[in-house]
Amino acid sequence: MNRRTFLRLGTFGPALLALEGLAFGPPPARAGDRPEPEMLDAGLREILGAVTERMVDTGEPGAPSVSDTGAIERIEQLLAGLDREVVGSVKLLLRVVDLWPAVMELRFRRFRSLSDAEKDESLEGWLTSRIALRRQIFFGLRNLAQYGYWTDGSTWPLVGYPGPMIGSRV
């Protein structure tokens, strides 16, 4: 990594901190705002889907898949409520995560084309990196993945959550 690339990645600090401190809950609604459909192009959705699948994999038989929960669409709704700079940074970081194994780990394949074990190994590298920026990227993407997956009611039984008590008939 050269100096210019390092400094360019350093400008994403505020975006990473925004994602790292992401509170779970619906995105704030603003008067007159409607979420843009498909904030991410097909390639970015595929990368986000691959990352999300590995970060929320429970290993439980019968656990809903990421596509069954609509996690990617939910993440896109969240991104629609964030500042455009943050969204642009997320898009760039998804591309970096996708290319990282090919360039930095010498696997000569993108993240989305790795086996599940290789994806886990690559993500472990992000989690345990000595470089704080890589760890921040990991935690930001993990927060997005967790938000997208676990806010769907079909995942709640996996953790023993019966659902909200308000409005339920007990």
N, C-alpha and C. Protein backbone atom coordinates (compact mmCIF):
# COMPACT_ATOMS: atom_id res chain seq x y z
N MET A 1 0.86 -1.17 0.00
CA MET A 1 0.00 0.00 0.00
C MET A 1 0.90 1.23 0.00
N ASN A 2 0.69 2.12 -0.96
CA ASN A 2 1.52 3.32 -1.00
C ASN A 2 0.90 4.42 -0.14
N ARG A 3 1.64 5.51 0.00
CA ARG A 3 1.22 6.60 0.87
C ARG A 3 -0.10 7.21 0.42
N ARG A 4 -0.25 7.42 -0.90
CA ARG A 4 -1.47 8.03 -1.42
C ARG A 4 -2.70 7.18 -1.11
N THR A 5 -2.58 5.85 -1.31
CA THR A 5 -3.69 4.95 -1.02
C THR A 5 -4.02 4.97 0.47
N PHE A 6 -2.98 4.96 1.31
CA PHE A 6 -3.20 4.99 2.75
C PHE A 6 -3.93 6.27 3.17
N LEU A 7 -3.48 7.40 2.63
CA LEU A 7 -4.13 8.67 2.98
C LEU A 7 -5.56 8.73 2.47
N ARG A 8 -5.80 8.16 1.29
CA ARG A 8 -7.16 8.14 0.75
C ARG A 8 -8.07 7.29 1.63
N LEU A 9 -7.57 6.13 2.07
CA LEU A 9 -8.38 5.29 2.96
C LEU A 9 -8.61 5.98 4.30
N GLY A 10 -7.63 6.78 4.74
CA GLY A 10 -7.75 7.48 6.01
C GLY A 10 -8.88 8.50 6.02
N THR A 11 -9.26 8.99 4.84
CA THR A 11 -10.34 9.97 4.79
C THR A 11 -11.69 9.35 5.08
N PHE A 12 -11.74 8.01 5.14
CA PHE A 12 -13.00 7.34 5.41
C PHE A 12 -13.24 7.13 6.89
N GLY A 13 -12.35 7.65 7.73
CA GLY A 13 -12.49 7.49 9.17
C GLY A 13 -13.86 7.87 9.70
N PRO A 14 -14.37 9.07 9.37
CA PRO A 14 -15.70 9.44 9.88
C PRO A 14 -16.80 8.48 9.43
N ALA A 15 -16.71 8.02 8.19
CA ALA A 15 -17.73 7.08 7.70
C ALA A 15 -17.64 5.77 8.46
N LEU A 16 -16.43 5.31 8.70
CA LEU A 16 -16.26 4.05 9.44
C LEU A 16 -16.77 4.18 10.86
N LEU A 17 -16.49 5.32 11.48
CA LEU A 17 -16.97 5.52 12.84
C LEU A 17 -18.49 5.58 12.88
N ALA A 18 -19.09 6.16 11.86
CA ALA A 18 -20.56 6.20 11.80
C ALA A 18 -21.13 4.79 11.71
N LEU A 19 -20.49 3.93 10.90
CA LEU A 19 -20.98 2.56 10.76
C LEU A 19 -20.64 1.73 12.00
N GLU A 20 -19.47 1.99 12.58
CA GLU A 20 -19.06 1.21 13.74
C GLU A 20 -20.00 1.48 14.93
N GLY A 21 -20.49 2.69 15.04
CA GLY A 21 -21.37 3.04 16.15
C GLY A 21 -22.84 2.96 15.79
N LEU A 22 -23.14 2.24 14.73
CA LEU A 22 -24.50 2.14 14.23
C LEU A 22 -25.43 1.56 15.29
N ALA A 23 -26.48 2.29 15.57
CA ALA A 23 -27.47 1.81 16.53
C ALA A 23 -28.47 0.93 15.79
N PHE A 24 -28.90 -0.14 16.44
CA PHE A 24 -29.87 -1.02 15.82
C PHE A 24 -31.24 -0.39 15.94
N GLY A 25 -31.94 -0.40 14.86
CA GLY A 25 -33.28 0.18 14.81
C GLY A 25 -33.53 0.67 13.41
N PRO A 26 -34.75 1.06 13.13
CA PRO A 26 -35.07 1.51 11.78
C PRO A 26 -34.38 2.83 11.48
N PRO A 27 -34.08 3.09 10.22
CA PRO A 27 -33.46 4.36 9.88
C PRO A 27 -34.42 5.50 10.18
N PRO A 28 -33.88 6.64 10.57
CA PRO A 28 -34.77 7.76 10.89
C PRO A 28 -35.51 8.23 9.64
N ALA A 29 -36.80 8.43 9.80
CA ALA A 29 -37.62 8.89 8.67
C ALA A 29 -37.62 10.40 8.67
N ARG A 30 -37.43 10.97 7.48
CA ARG A 30 -37.48 12.42 7.34
C ARG A 30 -38.68 12.75 6.47
N ALA A 31 -39.31 13.86 6.76
CA ALA A 31 -40.50 14.26 6.02
C ALA A 31 -40.17 14.37 4.53
N GLY A 32 -40.96 13.71 3.71
CA GLY A 32 -40.80 13.80 2.27
C GLY A 32 -39.74 12.87 1.70
N ASP A 33 -38.94 12.26 2.54
CA ASP A 33 -37.90 11.35 2.06
C ASP A 33 -38.46 9.97 1.79
N ARG A 34 -38.08 9.41 0.69
CA ARG A 34 -38.44 8.02 0.38
C ARG A 34 -37.15 7.31 0.09
N PRO A 35 -36.95 6.12 0.63
CA PRO A 35 -35.71 5.41 0.35
C PRO A 35 -35.58 5.11 -1.13
N GLU A 36 -34.37 5.30 -1.62
CA GLU A 36 -34.11 4.99 -3.02
C GLU A 36 -34.07 3.48 -3.18
N PRO A 37 -34.78 2.94 -4.16
CA PRO A 37 -34.67 1.50 -4.38
C PRO A 37 -33.28 1.18 -4.92
N GLU A 38 -32.73 0.12 -4.42
CA GLU A 38 -31.44 -0.39 -4.86
C GLU A 38 -30.36 0.69 -4.87
N MET A 39 -29.91 1.06 -3.69
CA MET A 39 -28.82 2.02 -3.53
C MET A 39 -27.52 1.45 -4.10
N LEU A 40 -27.42 0.14 -4.11
CA LEU A 40 -26.20 -0.53 -4.55
C LEU A 40 -26.44 -1.22 -5.88
N ASP A 41 -25.42 -1.25 -6.72
CA ASP A 41 -25.57 -1.96 -7.99
C ASP A 41 -25.47 -3.47 -7.73
N ALA A 42 -25.69 -4.26 -8.76
CA ALA A 42 -25.74 -5.72 -8.60
C ALA A 42 -24.44 -6.29 -8.03
N GLY A 43 -23.30 -5.77 -8.48
CA GLY A 43 -22.01 -6.26 -7.98
C GLY A 43 -21.82 -5.97 -6.50
N LEU A 44 -22.17 -4.76 -6.09
CA LEU A 44 -22.04 -4.40 -4.67
C LEU A 44 -23.02 -5.19 -3.81
N ARG A 45 -24.22 -5.43 -4.34
CA ARG A 45 -25.19 -6.26 -3.60
C ARG A 45 -24.64 -7.67 -3.42
N GLU A 46 -23.97 -8.20 -4.44
CA GLU A 46 -23.38 -9.54 -4.35
C GLU A 46 -22.27 -9.58 -3.30
N ILE A 47 -21.42 -8.55 -3.28
CA ILE A 47 -20.34 -8.48 -2.29
C ILE A 47 -20.94 -8.37 -0.90
N LEU A 48 -21.90 -7.46 -0.71
CA LEU A 48 -22.54 -7.29 0.59
C LEU A 48 -23.23 -8.57 1.03
N GLY A 49 -23.86 -9.26 0.09
CA GLY A 49 -24.51 -10.53 0.41
C GLY A 49 -23.50 -11.58 0.87
N ALA A 50 -22.35 -11.66 0.19
CA ALA A 50 -21.32 -12.63 0.58
C ALA A 50 -20.76 -12.32 1.96
N VAL A 51 -20.51 -11.04 2.21
CA VAL A 51 -19.99 -10.64 3.53
C VAL A 51 -21.03 -10.92 4.61
N THR A 52 -22.27 -10.54 4.35
CA THR A 52 -23.34 -10.72 5.33
C THR A 52 -23.56 -12.20 5.64
N GLU A 53 -23.58 -13.03 4.62
CA GLU A 53 -23.77 -14.47 4.84
C GLU A 53 -22.72 -15.04 5.79
N ARG A 54 -21.47 -14.63 5.63
CA ARG A 54 -20.41 -15.18 6.49
C ARG A 54 -20.47 -14.57 7.89
N MET A 55 -20.88 -13.32 8.00
CA MET A 55 -20.88 -12.67 9.31
C MET A 55 -22.06 -13.08 10.18
N VAL A 56 -23.14 -13.57 9.56
CA VAL A 56 -24.31 -13.95 10.36
C VAL A 56 -24.54 -15.46 10.35
N ASP A 57 -23.61 -16.21 9.79
CA ASP A 57 -23.78 -17.66 9.73
C ASP A 57 -23.87 -18.24 11.13
N THR A 58 -25.01 -18.81 11.46
CA THR A 58 -25.21 -19.37 12.80
C THR A 58 -24.82 -20.83 12.89
N GLY A 59 -24.77 -21.50 11.75
CA GLY A 59 -24.50 -22.94 11.76
C GLY A 59 -25.71 -23.76 12.18
N GLU A 60 -26.80 -23.09 12.49
CA GLU A 60 -28.02 -23.77 12.90
C GLU A 60 -28.76 -24.32 11.68
N PRO A 61 -29.17 -25.59 11.74
CA PRO A 61 -29.97 -26.09 10.62
C PRO A 61 -31.32 -25.37 10.61
N GLY A 62 -31.77 -25.04 9.44
CA GLY A 62 -33.06 -24.37 9.32
C GLY A 62 -33.01 -22.87 9.55
N ALA A 63 -31.82 -22.32 9.78
CA ALA A 63 -31.72 -20.87 9.95
C ALA A 63 -32.05 -20.19 8.62
N PRO A 64 -32.83 -19.12 8.66
CA PRO A 64 -33.17 -18.44 7.41
C PRO A 64 -31.92 -17.91 6.71
N SER A 65 -31.93 -17.96 5.40
CA SER A 65 -30.78 -17.43 4.65
C SER A 65 -30.87 -15.91 4.60
N VAL A 66 -29.77 -15.31 4.23
CA VAL A 66 -29.73 -13.85 4.11
C VAL A 66 -30.76 -13.38 3.10
N SER A 67 -30.90 -14.10 1.99
CA SER A 67 -31.86 -13.68 0.97
C SER A 67 -33.31 -13.86 1.46
N ASP A 68 -33.56 -14.87 2.28
CA ASP A 68 -34.91 -15.09 2.81
C ASP A 68 -35.34 -13.98 3.77
N THR A 69 -34.37 -13.39 4.46
CA THR A 69 -34.70 -12.36 5.45
C THR A 69 -34.81 -10.97 4.85
N GLY A 70 -34.37 -10.80 3.61
CA GLY A 70 -34.39 -9.46 3.00
C GLY A 70 -33.36 -8.54 3.62
N ALA A 71 -32.28 -9.13 4.14
CA ALA A 71 -31.26 -8.34 4.84
C ALA A 71 -30.63 -7.27 3.95
N ILE A 72 -30.33 -7.61 2.71
CA ILE A 72 -29.66 -6.65 1.83
C ILE A 72 -30.58 -5.46 1.56
N GLU A 73 -31.85 -5.71 1.33
CA GLU A 73 -32.80 -4.63 1.10
C GLU A 73 -32.92 -3.75 2.34
N ARG A 74 -32.92 -4.36 3.51
CA ARG A 74 -33.01 -3.61 4.77
C ARG A 74 -31.77 -2.74 4.95
N ILE A 75 -30.60 -3.27 4.60
CA ILE A 75 -29.37 -2.49 4.70
C ILE A 75 -29.42 -1.32 3.72
N GLU A 76 -29.95 -1.56 2.53
CA GLU A 76 -30.08 -0.48 1.56
C GLU A 76 -31.02 0.62 2.07
N GLN A 77 -32.08 0.23 2.74
CA GLN A 77 -32.98 1.23 3.33
C GLN A 77 -32.24 2.06 4.37
N LEU A 78 -31.43 1.40 5.17
CA LEU A 78 -30.64 2.11 6.17
C LEU A 78 -29.67 3.08 5.49
N LEU A 79 -29.00 2.61 4.45
CA LEU A 79 -28.04 3.46 3.73
C LEU A 79 -28.73 4.67 3.11
N ALA A 80 -29.98 4.49 2.68
CA ALA A 80 -30.73 5.59 2.07
C ALA A 80 -30.92 6.74 3.05
N GLY A 81 -30.93 6.45 4.34
CA GLY A 81 -31.11 7.49 5.35
C GLY A 81 -29.81 8.10 5.82
N LEU A 82 -28.68 7.60 5.33
CA LEU A 82 -27.38 8.13 5.75
C LEU A 82 -26.88 9.17 4.77
N ASP A 83 -25.90 9.95 5.20
CA ASP A 83 -25.27 10.96 4.37
C ASP A 83 -24.65 10.32 3.13
N ARG A 84 -24.72 11.00 2.02
CA ARG A 84 -24.20 10.47 0.74
C ARG A 84 -22.71 10.14 0.81
N GLU A 85 -21.94 10.91 1.60
CA GLU A 85 -20.51 10.61 1.74
C GLU A 85 -20.31 9.25 2.41
N VAL A 86 -21.13 8.98 3.42
CA VAL A 86 -21.02 7.70 4.12
C VAL A 86 -21.37 6.56 3.16
N VAL A 87 -22.42 6.74 2.37
CA VAL A 87 -22.84 5.72 1.41
C VAL A 87 -21.74 5.49 0.38
N GLY A 88 -21.14 6.57 -0.11
CA GLY A 88 -20.04 6.45 -1.06
C GLY A 88 -18.87 5.70 -0.47
N SER A 89 -18.58 5.96 0.80
CA SER A 89 -17.49 5.26 1.48
C SER A 89 -17.80 3.78 1.65
N VAL A 90 -19.04 3.46 1.97
CA VAL A 90 -19.44 2.06 2.12
C VAL A 90 -19.26 1.33 0.79
N LYS A 91 -19.65 1.97 -0.29
CA LYS A 91 -19.50 1.36 -1.61
C LYS A 91 -18.03 1.08 -1.92
N LEU A 92 -17.18 2.06 -1.65
CA LEU A 92 -15.74 1.88 -1.90
C LEU A 92 -15.17 0.78 -1.01
N LEU A 93 -15.57 0.75 0.25
CA LEU A 93 -15.05 -0.24 1.18
C LEU A 93 -15.49 -1.65 0.80
N LEU A 94 -16.70 -1.79 0.28
CA LEU A 94 -17.14 -3.10 -0.20
C LEU A 94 -16.25 -3.57 -1.34
N ARG A 95 -15.88 -2.65 -2.23
CA ARG A 95 -14.99 -3.02 -3.32
C ARG A 95 -13.60 -3.40 -2.80
N VAL A 96 -13.12 -2.68 -1.80
CA VAL A 96 -11.81 -3.00 -1.20
C VAL A 96 -11.85 -4.39 -0.58
N VAL A 97 -12.89 -4.70 0.17
CA VAL A 97 -13.02 -6.01 0.80
C VAL A 97 -13.08 -7.11 -0.26
N ASP A 98 -13.76 -6.84 -1.36
CA ASP A 98 -13.87 -7.83 -2.43
C ASP A 98 -12.52 -8.08 -3.10
N LEU A 99 -11.74 -7.04 -3.31
CA LEU A 99 -10.46 -7.20 -4.01
C LEU A 99 -9.31 -7.60 -3.08
N TRP A 100 -9.48 -7.41 -1.78
CA TRP A 100 -8.40 -7.66 -0.83
C TRP A 100 -7.78 -9.05 -0.96
N PRO A 101 -8.56 -10.13 -1.00
CA PRO A 101 -7.94 -11.46 -1.10
C PRO A 101 -7.09 -11.62 -2.36
N ALA A 102 -7.52 -11.03 -3.47
CA ALA A 102 -6.78 -11.17 -4.72
C ALA A 102 -5.47 -10.40 -4.69
N VAL A 103 -5.50 -9.22 -4.09
CA VAL A 103 -4.33 -8.34 -4.12
C VAL A 103 -3.41 -8.54 -2.92
N MET A 104 -3.98 -8.55 -1.73
CA MET A 104 -3.16 -8.56 -0.51
C MET A 104 -2.92 -9.95 0.07
N GLU A 105 -3.82 -10.88 -0.18
CA GLU A 105 -3.65 -12.23 0.36
C GLU A 105 -3.15 -13.20 -0.70
N LEU A 106 -2.96 -12.71 -1.92
CA LEU A 106 -2.45 -13.50 -3.05
C LEU A 106 -3.27 -14.77 -3.30
N ARG A 107 -4.57 -14.65 -3.16
CA ARG A 107 -5.46 -15.78 -3.46
C ARG A 107 -5.89 -15.76 -4.92
N PHE A 108 -5.68 -14.63 -5.59
CA PHE A 108 -5.98 -14.45 -7.01
C PHE A 108 -7.46 -14.66 -7.35
N ARG A 109 -8.31 -14.44 -6.35
CA ARG A 109 -9.77 -14.45 -6.54
C ARG A 109 -10.37 -13.38 -5.66
N ARG A 110 -11.52 -12.90 -6.08
CA ARG A 110 -12.23 -11.91 -5.28
C ARG A 110 -12.89 -12.58 -4.08
N PHE A 111 -13.22 -11.79 -3.08
CA PHE A 111 -13.85 -12.30 -1.87
C PHE A 111 -15.09 -13.11 -2.20
N ARG A 112 -15.94 -12.59 -3.07
CA ARG A 112 -17.21 -13.24 -3.35
C ARG A 112 -17.05 -14.59 -4.05
N SER A 113 -15.88 -14.89 -4.60
CA SER A 113 -15.69 -16.18 -5.27
C SER A 113 -14.89 -17.17 -4.43
N LEU A 114 -14.57 -16.80 -3.19
CA LEU A 114 -13.85 -17.72 -2.29
C LEU A 114 -14.82 -18.74 -1.71
N SER A 115 -14.27 -19.86 -1.21
CA SER A 115 -15.10 -20.82 -0.48
C SER A 115 -15.49 -20.21 0.86
N ASP A 116 -16.46 -20.80 1.52
CA ASP A 116 -16.89 -20.28 2.82
C ASP A 116 -15.74 -20.24 3.82
N ALA A 117 -14.93 -21.28 3.85
CA ALA A 117 -13.79 -21.32 4.78
C ALA A 117 -12.78 -20.22 4.45
N GLU A 118 -12.55 -19.98 3.17
CA GLU A 118 -11.61 -18.93 2.77
C GLU A 118 -12.18 -17.54 3.09
N LYS A 119 -13.49 -17.38 2.93
CA LYS A 119 -14.12 -16.11 3.29
C LYS A 119 -13.97 -15.85 4.78
N ASP A 120 -14.21 -16.90 5.58
CA ASP A 120 -14.06 -16.76 7.03
C ASP A 120 -12.63 -16.39 7.40
N GLU A 121 -11.67 -17.01 6.75
CA GLU A 121 -10.26 -16.73 7.01
C GLU A 121 -9.92 -15.29 6.63
N SER A 122 -10.45 -14.83 5.51
CA SER A 122 -10.20 -13.45 5.07
C SER A 122 -10.81 -12.46 6.06
N LEU A 123 -12.04 -12.71 6.48
CA LEU A 123 -12.69 -11.82 7.45
C LEU A 123 -11.97 -11.85 8.80
N GLU A 124 -11.46 -13.01 9.17
CA GLU A 124 -10.68 -13.11 10.41
C GLU A 124 -9.45 -12.20 10.34
N GLY A 125 -8.86 -12.12 9.15
CA GLY A 125 -7.72 -11.22 8.95
C GLY A 125 -8.10 -9.77 9.17
N TRP A 126 -9.30 -9.39 8.74
CA TRP A 126 -9.77 -8.03 8.98
C TRP A 126 -10.01 -7.79 10.47
N LEU A 127 -10.58 -8.76 11.15
CA LEU A 127 -10.89 -8.64 12.57
C LEU A 127 -9.63 -8.54 13.43
N THR A 128 -8.63 -9.32 13.11
CA THR A 128 -7.43 -9.40 13.96
C THR A 128 -6.26 -8.57 13.44
N SER A 129 -6.49 -7.75 12.44
CA SER A 129 -5.42 -6.95 11.86
C SER A 129 -4.81 -6.00 12.88
N ARG A 130 -3.52 -5.75 12.73
CA ARG A 130 -2.86 -4.76 13.58
C ARG A 130 -3.22 -3.35 13.13
N ILE A 131 -3.78 -3.23 11.95
CA ILE A 131 -4.15 -1.92 11.40
C ILE A 131 -5.56 -1.58 11.86
N ALA A 132 -5.68 -0.53 12.65
CA ALA A 132 -6.98 -0.15 13.22
C ALA A 132 -8.01 0.12 12.14
N LEU A 133 -7.61 0.69 11.03
CA LEU A 133 -8.55 0.98 9.96
C LEU A 133 -9.21 -0.29 9.42
N ARG A 134 -8.44 -1.36 9.28
CA ARG A 134 -9.02 -2.63 8.82
C ARG A 134 -10.03 -3.17 9.83
N ARG A 135 -9.70 -3.06 11.11
CA ARG A 135 -10.64 -3.53 12.14
C ARG A 135 -11.91 -2.68 12.13
N GLN A 136 -11.78 -1.38 11.92
CA GLN A 136 -12.96 -0.51 11.86
C GLN A 136 -13.83 -0.88 10.68
N ILE A 137 -13.22 -1.19 9.54
CA ILE A 137 -13.99 -1.62 8.38
C ILE A 137 -14.75 -2.89 8.71
N PHE A 138 -14.07 -3.84 9.36
CA PHE A 138 -14.72 -5.09 9.75
C PHE A 138 -15.92 -4.82 10.63
N PHE A 139 -15.75 -4.02 11.68
CA PHE A 139 -16.84 -3.77 12.62
C PHE A 139 -17.98 -3.00 11.97
N GLY A 140 -17.67 -2.06 11.07
CA GLY A 140 -18.72 -1.34 10.36
C GLY A 140 -19.55 -2.28 9.50
N LEU A 141 -18.88 -3.14 8.74
CA LEU A 141 -19.60 -4.10 7.89
C LEU A 141 -20.34 -5.13 8.74
N ARG A 142 -19.75 -5.53 9.86
CA ARG A 142 -20.43 -6.48 10.74
C ARG A 142 -21.71 -5.87 11.30
N ASN A 143 -21.66 -4.60 11.68
CA ASN A 143 -22.87 -3.94 12.19
C ASN A 143 -23.96 -3.89 11.13
N LEU A 144 -23.58 -3.59 9.89
CA LEU A 144 -24.57 -3.58 8.81
C LEU A 144 -25.17 -4.97 8.62
N ALA A 145 -24.31 -5.99 8.61
CA ALA A 145 -24.78 -7.37 8.41
C ALA A 145 -25.71 -7.80 9.54
N GLN A 146 -25.32 -7.53 10.77
CA GLN A 146 -26.13 -7.91 11.93
C GLN A 146 -27.48 -7.19 11.90
N TYR A 147 -27.44 -5.91 11.58
CA TYR A 147 -28.69 -5.14 11.49
C TYR A 147 -29.61 -5.74 10.44
N GLY A 148 -29.07 -5.97 9.25
CA GLY A 148 -29.89 -6.47 8.16
C GLY A 148 -30.52 -7.82 8.46
N TYR A 149 -29.77 -8.70 9.10
CA TYR A 149 -30.23 -10.07 9.33
C TYR A 149 -31.13 -10.19 10.55
N TRP A 150 -30.67 -9.70 11.69
CA TRP A 150 -31.36 -9.96 12.95
C TRP A 150 -32.57 -9.08 13.20
N THR A 151 -32.81 -8.08 12.35
CA THR A 151 -34.03 -7.29 12.52
C THR A 151 -35.22 -7.92 11.81
N ASP A 152 -35.00 -9.06 11.15
CA ASP A 152 -36.10 -9.79 10.53
C ASP A 152 -36.69 -10.76 11.54
N GLY A 153 -38.01 -10.76 11.66
CA GLY A 153 -38.69 -11.59 12.64
C GLY A 153 -38.44 -13.08 12.49
N SER A 154 -38.11 -13.55 11.30
CA SER A 154 -37.88 -14.99 11.11
C SER A 154 -36.59 -15.47 11.78
N THR A 155 -35.71 -14.55 12.14
CA THR A 155 -34.45 -14.94 12.81
C THR A 155 -34.58 -14.96 14.33
N TRP A 156 -35.59 -14.35 14.86
CA TRP A 156 -35.72 -14.21 16.30
C TRP A 156 -35.79 -15.53 17.06
N PRO A 157 -36.48 -16.56 16.57
CA PRO A 157 -36.51 -17.81 17.32
C PRO A 157 -35.12 -18.43 17.52
N LEU A 158 -34.17 -18.11 16.66
CA LEU A 158 -32.81 -18.65 16.80
C LEU A 158 -32.15 -18.21 18.10
N VAL A 159 -32.55 -17.04 18.59
CA VAL A 159 -31.96 -16.53 19.82
C VAL A 159 -32.96 -16.53 20.98
N GLY A 160 -34.13 -17.15 20.76
CA GLY A 160 -35.13 -17.26 21.81
C GLY A 160 -35.93 -16.01 22.06
N TYR A 161 -35.92 -15.09 21.12
CA TYR A 161 -36.69 -13.85 21.25
C TYR A 161 -38.08 -14.09 20.69
N PRO A 162 -39.13 -13.93 21.50
CA PRO A 162 -40.47 -14.20 21.01
C PRO A 162 -41.06 -13.07 20.17
N GLY A 163 -40.44 -11.94 20.15
CA GLY A 163 -40.94 -10.79 19.41
C GLY A 163 -41.42 -9.72 20.37
N PRO A 164 -41.79 -8.59 19.84
CA PRO A 164 -42.23 -7.48 20.70
C PRO A 164 -43.51 -7.83 21.44
N MET A 165 -43.54 -7.43 22.71
CA MET A 165 -44.73 -7.73 23.53
C MET A 165 -45.85 -6.76 23.24
N ILE A 166 -45.52 -5.54 22.86
CA ILE A 166 -46.54 -4.55 22.56
C ILE A 166 -47.19 -4.92 21.24
N GLY A 167 -48.46 -5.02 21.24
CA GLY A 167 -49.21 -5.37 20.04
C GLY A 167 -49.38 -6.87 19.83
N SER A 168 -48.76 -7.67 20.69
CA SER A 168 -48.93 -9.12 20.53
C SER A 168 -50.09 -9.59 21.42
N ARG A 169 -50.64 -10.69 21.03
CA ARG A 169 -51.74 -11.27 21.81
C ARG A 169 -51.18 -12.40 22.65
N VAL A 170 -51.05 -12.15 23.92
CA VAL A 170 -50.49 -13.15 24.82
C VAL A 170 -51.58 -13.88 25.55
